[in-house]
Amino acid sequence: MTRIRRGYIARRRRTKIRLFVSSFRGAHSRLTRSIIQQKIRALVSAHRDRDRQKRNFRRLWVTRINAVIRGNSRVSNSYSNLVNNLYKRQLLLNRKILAQIAILNRNCLYTISNDIRK
C-alpha cells in the first residue's frame, strides 16, 4: 500500500492555535492538547476580567468622588447625596467625569455640589 500524504488543513489549524499561545511557557505552548485547553482558559479569563475591570474602575471613581466630597470642610455632603441631587436635577455627569473633576479641579466639584444642593 502506498503512503498517503496528509493534507495541510489540520497543520494550518494547529499553527494558527500555536500563534495564539506562543508566549505561554512549557508544554502550554508546545503540545496541541495543552494549547487548546490553555487557549480556552485564556479566552474565558479575558471575558470574565473585562467585566471585572469595569466594576473595579467604577469602584475607584466612586471612592475618589466620595473622598474629595467628604474631605472638604465647607461642604457637609457625601457621595450618595451628591449623586442623588445630580439625578434630581437631571444633570448628565457620569462617575468617570466626576472623578476626573475631583482630581484635577476640586473647587469645580465643590461648586457643582453647592449649586445642586441649593
Protein backbone atom coordinates (compact mmCIF):
# COMPACT_ATOMS: atom_id res chain seq x y z
CA MET A 1 0.00 0.00 0.00
CA THR A 2 1.31 3.41 -0.86
CA ARG A 3 1.93 6.10 1.70
CA ILE A 4 -0.75 8.75 1.98
CA ARG A 5 0.48 12.29 2.45
CA ARG A 6 -1.66 14.18 4.88
CA GLY A 7 -3.27 17.44 3.90
CA TYR A 8 -2.32 20.85 5.18
CA ILE A 9 -5.67 21.82 6.76
CA ALA A 10 -5.03 20.28 10.18
CA ARG A 11 -1.48 21.61 10.23
CA ARG A 12 -2.70 25.09 9.33
CA ARG A 13 -5.29 24.95 12.14
CA ARG A 14 -2.66 23.90 14.68
CA THR A 15 -0.28 26.60 13.52
CA LYS A 16 -2.99 29.21 13.99
CA ILE A 17 -3.59 27.99 17.54
CA ARG A 18 0.17 27.96 18.24
CA LEU A 19 0.45 31.61 17.25
CA PHE A 20 -2.10 32.47 19.93
CA VAL A 21 -0.17 30.73 22.72
CA SER A 22 3.36 31.46 21.54
CA SER A 23 4.13 33.44 24.69
CA PHE A 24 2.97 30.71 27.10
CA ARG A 25 5.56 28.68 29.00
CA GLY A 26 6.39 24.99 28.86
CA ALA A 27 4.03 22.42 27.39
CA HIS A 28 1.29 25.06 27.18
CA SER A 29 2.97 26.37 24.06
CA ARG A 30 4.16 23.08 22.56
CA LEU A 31 1.62 20.28 22.97
CA THR A 32 -1.53 20.58 20.90
CA ARG A 33 -3.95 19.33 23.55
CA SER A 34 -2.49 21.61 26.20
CA ILE A 35 -2.51 24.50 23.74
CA ILE A 36 -6.22 24.08 23.04
CA GLN A 37 -7.07 23.89 26.75
CA GLN A 38 -4.94 26.93 27.59
CA LYS A 39 -6.45 28.94 24.75
CA ILE A 40 -9.97 28.23 26.02
CA ARG A 41 -8.93 29.11 29.56
CA ALA A 42 -7.25 32.34 28.45
CA LEU A 43 -10.28 33.48 26.48
CA VAL A 44 -12.62 32.69 29.39
CA SER A 45 -10.42 34.67 31.77
CA ALA A 46 -10.24 37.60 29.38
CA HIS A 47 -14.03 37.70 29.03
CA ARG A 48 -14.55 37.48 32.79
CA ASP A 49 -11.94 40.11 33.60
CA ARG A 50 -13.31 42.65 31.14
CA ASP A 51 -16.48 42.77 33.25
CA ARG A 52 -14.43 42.80 36.44
CA GLN A 53 -12.34 45.71 35.14
CA LYS A 54 -15.46 47.81 34.55
CA ARG A 55 -16.58 47.03 38.09
CA ASN A 56 -13.21 47.96 39.59
CA PHE A 57 -12.99 51.26 37.75
CA ARG A 58 -16.48 52.22 38.87
CA ARG A 59 -15.50 51.47 42.48
CA LEU A 60 -12.36 53.59 42.08
CA TRP A 61 -14.31 56.54 40.70
CA VAL A 62 -16.88 56.35 43.49
CA THR A 63 -14.12 56.22 46.11
CA ARG A 64 -12.35 59.23 44.63
CA ILE A 65 -15.52 61.32 44.46
CA ASN A 66 -16.51 60.39 47.99
CA ALA A 67 -13.05 61.17 49.39
CA VAL A 68 -12.96 64.63 47.81
CA ILE A 69 -16.53 65.50 48.78
CA ARG A 70 -16.09 64.39 52.40
CA GLY A 71 -12.64 65.96 52.66
CA ASN A 72 -13.99 69.45 52.23
CA SER A 73 -14.99 71.12 55.49
CA ARG A 74 -17.19 73.69 53.72
CA VAL A 75 -19.37 71.03 52.14
CA SER A 76 -21.09 68.66 54.53
CA ASN A 77 -22.04 66.23 51.85
CA SER A 78 -21.46 62.64 50.87
CA TYR A 79 -21.23 60.76 47.62
CA SER A 80 -24.74 59.36 47.86
CA ASN A 81 -26.25 62.80 48.45
CA LEU A 82 -24.28 64.25 45.55
CA VAL A 83 -25.40 61.58 43.09
CA ASN A 84 -28.99 61.76 44.32
CA ASN A 85 -29.04 65.52 43.77
CA LEU A 86 -27.49 65.07 40.32
CA TYR A 87 -30.30 62.73 39.35
CA LYS A 88 -32.93 65.06 40.75
CA ARG A 89 -31.54 67.95 38.70
CA GLN A 90 -31.16 65.64 35.65
CA LEU A 91 -27.51 66.57 35.20
CA LEU A 92 -25.74 64.10 32.96
CA LEU A 93 -22.35 63.76 34.63
CA ASN A 94 -21.17 60.21 34.92
CA ARG A 95 -18.86 58.95 37.65
CA LYS A 96 -15.79 58.91 35.43
CA ILE A 97 -16.12 62.61 34.61
CA LEU A 98 -16.88 63.49 38.22
CA ALA A 99 -13.77 61.59 39.37
CA GLN A 100 -11.61 63.46 36.86
CA ILE A 101 -13.05 66.76 38.03
CA ALA A 102 -12.42 65.71 41.64
CA ILE A 103 -8.76 65.01 40.93
CA LEU A 104 -7.94 67.86 38.56
CA ASN A 105 -10.12 70.68 39.90
CA ARG A 106 -11.58 70.19 43.34
CA ASN A 107 -13.07 73.67 43.55
CA CYS A 108 -15.14 72.95 40.46
CA LEU A 109 -16.59 69.86 42.14
CA TYR A 110 -17.32 71.87 45.27
CA THR A 111 -19.19 74.49 43.26
CA ILE A 112 -21.15 71.79 41.43
CA SER A 113 -22.19 70.17 44.70
CA ASN A 114 -23.11 73.53 46.27
CA ASP A 115 -25.17 74.62 43.26
CA ILE A 116 -27.00 71.32 43.17
CA ARG A 117 -27.94 71.48 46.84
CA LYS A 118 -29.47 74.94 46.54
